[in-house]
Amino acid sequence: MIYLVAGLDHNTFSRWHDHVAATDPTGAARDAIARAARQGIELVVAAVIGPYGSVEPFVADVPPIARAGRPRAHAA
């Protein structure tokens, strides 16, 4: 199935979206995070949109750190 995954770059807050082929919404979110990482983007997924514009739940088994990318260092 083809999903539209939309989100933001964790560092710049730039918009990001792409169509991802996956068997379920969680897989689409994971594939999108990996694809964005190859582009140098720390993707924070905002929505996974399925057929007919339905917004799909996708974070049931995606750990929070995977949703937000790698941890950021805090300034002291």
N, C-alpha and C. Protein backbone atom coordinates (compact mmCIF):
# COMPACT_ATOMS: atom_id res chain seq x y z
N MET A 1 0.85 -1.16 0.00
CA MET A 1 0.00 0.00 0.00
C MET A 1 0.90 1.24 0.00
N ILE A 2 0.44 2.30 -0.60
CA ILE A 2 1.20 3.55 -0.65
C ILE A 2 0.65 4.50 0.41
N TYR A 3 1.55 5.04 1.23
CA TYR A 3 1.19 6.01 2.27
C TYR A 3 1.89 7.32 1.99
N LEU A 4 1.26 8.41 2.32
CA LEU A 4 1.90 9.72 2.31
C LEU A 4 2.35 9.98 3.74
N VAL A 5 3.65 10.17 3.94
CA VAL A 5 4.19 10.45 5.27
C VAL A 5 4.63 11.90 5.29
N ALA A 6 4.15 12.63 6.29
CA ALA A 6 4.48 14.04 6.43
C ALA A 6 5.11 14.28 7.79
N GLY A 7 6.08 15.18 7.83
CA GLY A 7 6.72 15.48 9.10
C GLY A 7 7.61 16.70 8.98
N LEU A 8 8.47 16.84 9.98
CA LEU A 8 9.39 17.97 10.07
C LEU A 8 10.80 17.48 10.34
N ASP A 9 11.77 18.25 9.87
CA ASP A 9 13.16 18.01 10.23
C ASP A 9 13.34 18.50 11.67
N HIS A 10 13.82 17.63 12.53
CA HIS A 10 13.98 17.94 13.95
C HIS A 10 14.92 19.12 14.18
N ASN A 11 15.89 19.32 13.30
CA ASN A 11 16.89 20.39 13.48
C ASN A 11 16.44 21.73 12.92
N THR A 12 15.79 21.74 11.77
CA THR A 12 15.47 23.00 11.10
C THR A 12 13.99 23.32 11.07
N PHE A 13 13.15 22.37 11.46
CA PHE A 13 11.69 22.51 11.39
C PHE A 13 11.19 22.68 9.95
N SER A 14 12.02 22.27 8.98
CA SER A 14 11.59 22.29 7.58
C SER A 14 10.60 21.16 7.35
N ARG A 15 9.63 21.44 6.49
CA ARG A 15 8.64 20.42 6.16
C ARG A 15 9.27 19.32 5.32
N TRP A 16 8.75 18.11 5.48
CA TRP A 16 9.21 16.95 4.70
C TRP A 16 8.01 16.08 4.43
N HIS A 17 7.90 15.57 3.21
CA HIS A 17 6.85 14.61 2.89
C HIS A 17 7.30 13.75 1.72
N ASP A 18 6.79 12.54 1.70
CA ASP A 18 7.11 11.63 0.61
C ASP A 18 6.10 10.49 0.61
N HIS A 19 5.96 9.85 -0.52
CA HIS A 19 5.12 8.66 -0.64
C HIS A 19 5.98 7.44 -0.34
N VAL A 20 5.46 6.54 0.49
CA VAL A 20 6.21 5.38 0.93
C VAL A 20 5.34 4.13 0.73
N ALA A 21 5.92 3.12 0.12
CA ALA A 21 5.24 1.84 -0.03
C ALA A 21 5.57 0.97 1.18
N ALA A 22 4.55 0.48 1.87
CA ALA A 22 4.74 -0.36 3.04
C ALA A 22 3.49 -1.21 3.26
N THR A 23 3.64 -2.23 4.10
CA THR A 23 2.50 -3.11 4.36
C THR A 23 1.56 -2.55 5.43
N ASP A 24 2.07 -1.62 6.26
CA ASP A 24 1.24 -1.03 7.32
C ASP A 24 1.76 0.37 7.65
N PRO A 25 0.97 1.16 8.40
CA PRO A 25 1.39 2.53 8.71
C PRO A 25 2.68 2.62 9.51
N THR A 26 2.89 1.67 10.44
CA THR A 26 4.12 1.69 11.23
C THR A 26 5.33 1.47 10.33
N GLY A 27 5.22 0.54 9.42
CA GLY A 27 6.30 0.30 8.46
C GLY A 27 6.56 1.50 7.59
N ALA A 28 5.51 2.20 7.19
CA ALA A 28 5.66 3.40 6.39
C ALA A 28 6.42 4.48 7.17
N ALA A 29 6.08 4.63 8.46
CA ALA A 29 6.77 5.62 9.29
C ALA A 29 8.24 5.26 9.43
N ARG A 30 8.53 3.99 9.68
CA ARG A 30 9.93 3.55 9.81
C ARG A 30 10.70 3.75 8.51
N ASP A 31 10.10 3.40 7.39
CA ASP A 31 10.76 3.58 6.10
C ASP A 31 11.01 5.05 5.81
N ALA A 32 10.06 5.89 6.16
CA ALA A 32 10.22 7.33 5.94
C ALA A 32 11.34 7.89 6.81
N ILE A 33 11.42 7.45 8.06
CA ILE A 33 12.50 7.91 8.95
C ILE A 33 13.85 7.50 8.37
N ALA A 34 13.96 6.26 7.88
CA ALA A 34 15.21 5.79 7.28
C ALA A 34 15.54 6.57 6.01
N ARG A 35 14.54 6.78 5.17
CA ARG A 35 14.75 7.53 3.92
C ARG A 35 15.21 8.95 4.21
N ALA A 36 14.55 9.60 5.15
CA ALA A 36 14.93 10.97 5.50
C ALA A 36 16.34 11.00 6.09
N ALA A 37 16.69 10.01 6.90
CA ALA A 37 18.03 9.96 7.50
C ALA A 37 19.10 9.88 6.41
N ARG A 38 18.83 9.15 5.33
CA ARG A 38 19.79 9.08 4.22
C ARG A 38 19.95 10.43 3.54
N GLN A 39 18.96 11.32 3.71
CA GLN A 39 19.03 12.67 3.15
C GLN A 39 19.59 13.67 4.16
N GLY A 40 20.01 13.17 5.33
CA GLY A 40 20.56 14.04 6.37
C GLY A 40 19.49 14.74 7.20
N ILE A 41 18.30 14.19 7.22
CA ILE A 41 17.17 14.80 7.93
C ILE A 41 16.80 13.94 9.13
N GLU A 42 16.63 14.56 10.29
CA GLU A 42 16.12 13.88 11.47
C GLU A 42 14.61 14.06 11.47
N LEU A 43 13.91 13.10 10.90
CA LEU A 43 12.48 13.24 10.67
C LEU A 43 11.67 13.01 11.94
N VAL A 44 10.76 13.93 12.21
CA VAL A 44 9.73 13.75 13.22
C VAL A 44 8.43 13.59 12.43
N VAL A 45 7.87 12.39 12.46
CA VAL A 45 6.68 12.10 11.67
C VAL A 45 5.46 12.75 12.32
N ALA A 46 4.75 13.53 11.53
CA ALA A 46 3.53 14.18 12.01
C ALA A 46 2.29 13.39 11.64
N ALA A 47 2.32 12.74 10.46
CA ALA A 47 1.13 12.00 10.01
C ALA A 47 1.52 10.97 8.98
N VAL A 48 0.79 9.87 9.01
CA VAL A 48 0.85 8.86 7.97
C VAL A 48 -0.54 8.79 7.38
N ILE A 49 -0.65 9.12 6.10
CA ILE A 49 -1.95 9.24 5.46
C ILE A 49 -2.13 8.09 4.49
N GLY A 50 -3.20 7.34 4.69
CA GLY A 50 -3.47 6.15 3.88
C GLY A 50 -4.39 6.46 2.72
N PRO A 51 -4.94 5.41 2.14
CA PRO A 51 -5.84 5.56 0.99
C PRO A 51 -7.06 6.42 1.33
N TYR A 52 -7.50 7.16 0.37
CA TYR A 52 -8.68 8.02 0.50
C TYR A 52 -8.51 9.10 1.56
N GLY A 53 -7.26 9.46 1.86
CA GLY A 53 -6.99 10.55 2.79
C GLY A 53 -7.19 10.20 4.25
N SER A 54 -7.25 8.93 4.60
CA SER A 54 -7.44 8.56 5.99
C SER A 54 -6.12 8.67 6.75
N VAL A 55 -6.14 9.38 7.87
CA VAL A 55 -4.94 9.50 8.71
C VAL A 55 -4.85 8.24 9.55
N GLU A 56 -3.73 7.56 9.45
CA GLU A 56 -3.56 6.25 10.08
C GLU A 56 -2.74 6.37 11.38
N PRO A 57 -3.12 5.63 12.42
CA PRO A 57 -2.26 5.56 13.61
C PRO A 57 -1.01 4.76 13.25
N PHE A 58 0.15 5.23 13.72
CA PHE A 58 1.37 4.57 13.27
C PHE A 58 2.42 4.38 14.35
N VAL A 59 2.26 4.92 15.54
CA VAL A 59 3.35 4.93 16.51
C VAL A 59 3.21 3.88 17.60
N ALA A 60 2.33 2.92 17.43
CA ALA A 60 2.09 1.94 18.49
C ALA A 60 3.37 1.25 18.93
N ASP A 61 4.21 0.83 18.00
CA ASP A 61 5.42 0.12 18.41
C ASP A 61 6.71 0.79 17.91
N VAL A 62 6.63 2.07 17.58
CA VAL A 62 7.83 2.83 17.21
C VAL A 62 8.28 3.58 18.45
N PRO A 63 9.48 3.27 18.97
CA PRO A 63 9.92 3.96 20.18
C PRO A 63 10.07 5.46 19.95
N PRO A 64 9.85 6.28 20.99
CA PRO A 64 9.91 7.74 20.83
C PRO A 64 11.22 8.22 20.22
N ILE A 65 12.33 7.60 20.57
CA ILE A 65 13.61 8.06 20.03
C ILE A 65 13.67 7.84 18.52
N ALA A 66 13.03 6.80 18.01
CA ALA A 66 12.99 6.56 16.57
C ALA A 66 12.11 7.59 15.88
N ARG A 67 11.08 8.05 16.58
CA ARG A 67 10.20 9.06 15.99
C ARG A 67 10.91 10.41 15.90
N ALA A 68 11.78 10.71 16.85
CA ALA A 68 12.41 12.03 16.89
C ALA A 68 13.84 12.01 16.38
N GLY A 69 14.34 10.88 15.95
CA GLY A 69 15.72 10.81 15.50
C GLY A 69 16.65 10.59 16.68
N ARG A 70 17.92 10.83 16.47
CA ARG A 70 18.88 10.59 17.56
C ARG A 70 18.76 11.68 18.63
N PRO A 71 19.17 11.38 19.87
CA PRO A 71 19.07 12.39 20.93
C PRO A 71 19.97 13.56 20.65
N ARG A 72 19.55 14.72 21.04
CA ARG A 72 20.33 15.93 20.85
C ARG A 72 21.09 16.27 22.12
N ALA A 73 22.27 16.80 21.95
CA ALA A 73 23.07 17.22 23.11
C ALA A 73 22.48 18.53 23.66
N HIS A 74 22.39 18.61 24.96
CA HIS A 74 21.87 19.83 25.58
C HIS A 74 23.01 20.75 25.95
N ALA A 75 22.83 22.02 25.73
CA ALA A 75 23.86 23.00 26.10
C ALA A 75 23.94 23.11 27.62
N ALA A 76 25.14 23.20 28.12
CA ALA A 76 25.33 23.30 29.57
C ALA A 76 25.24 24.71 30.05
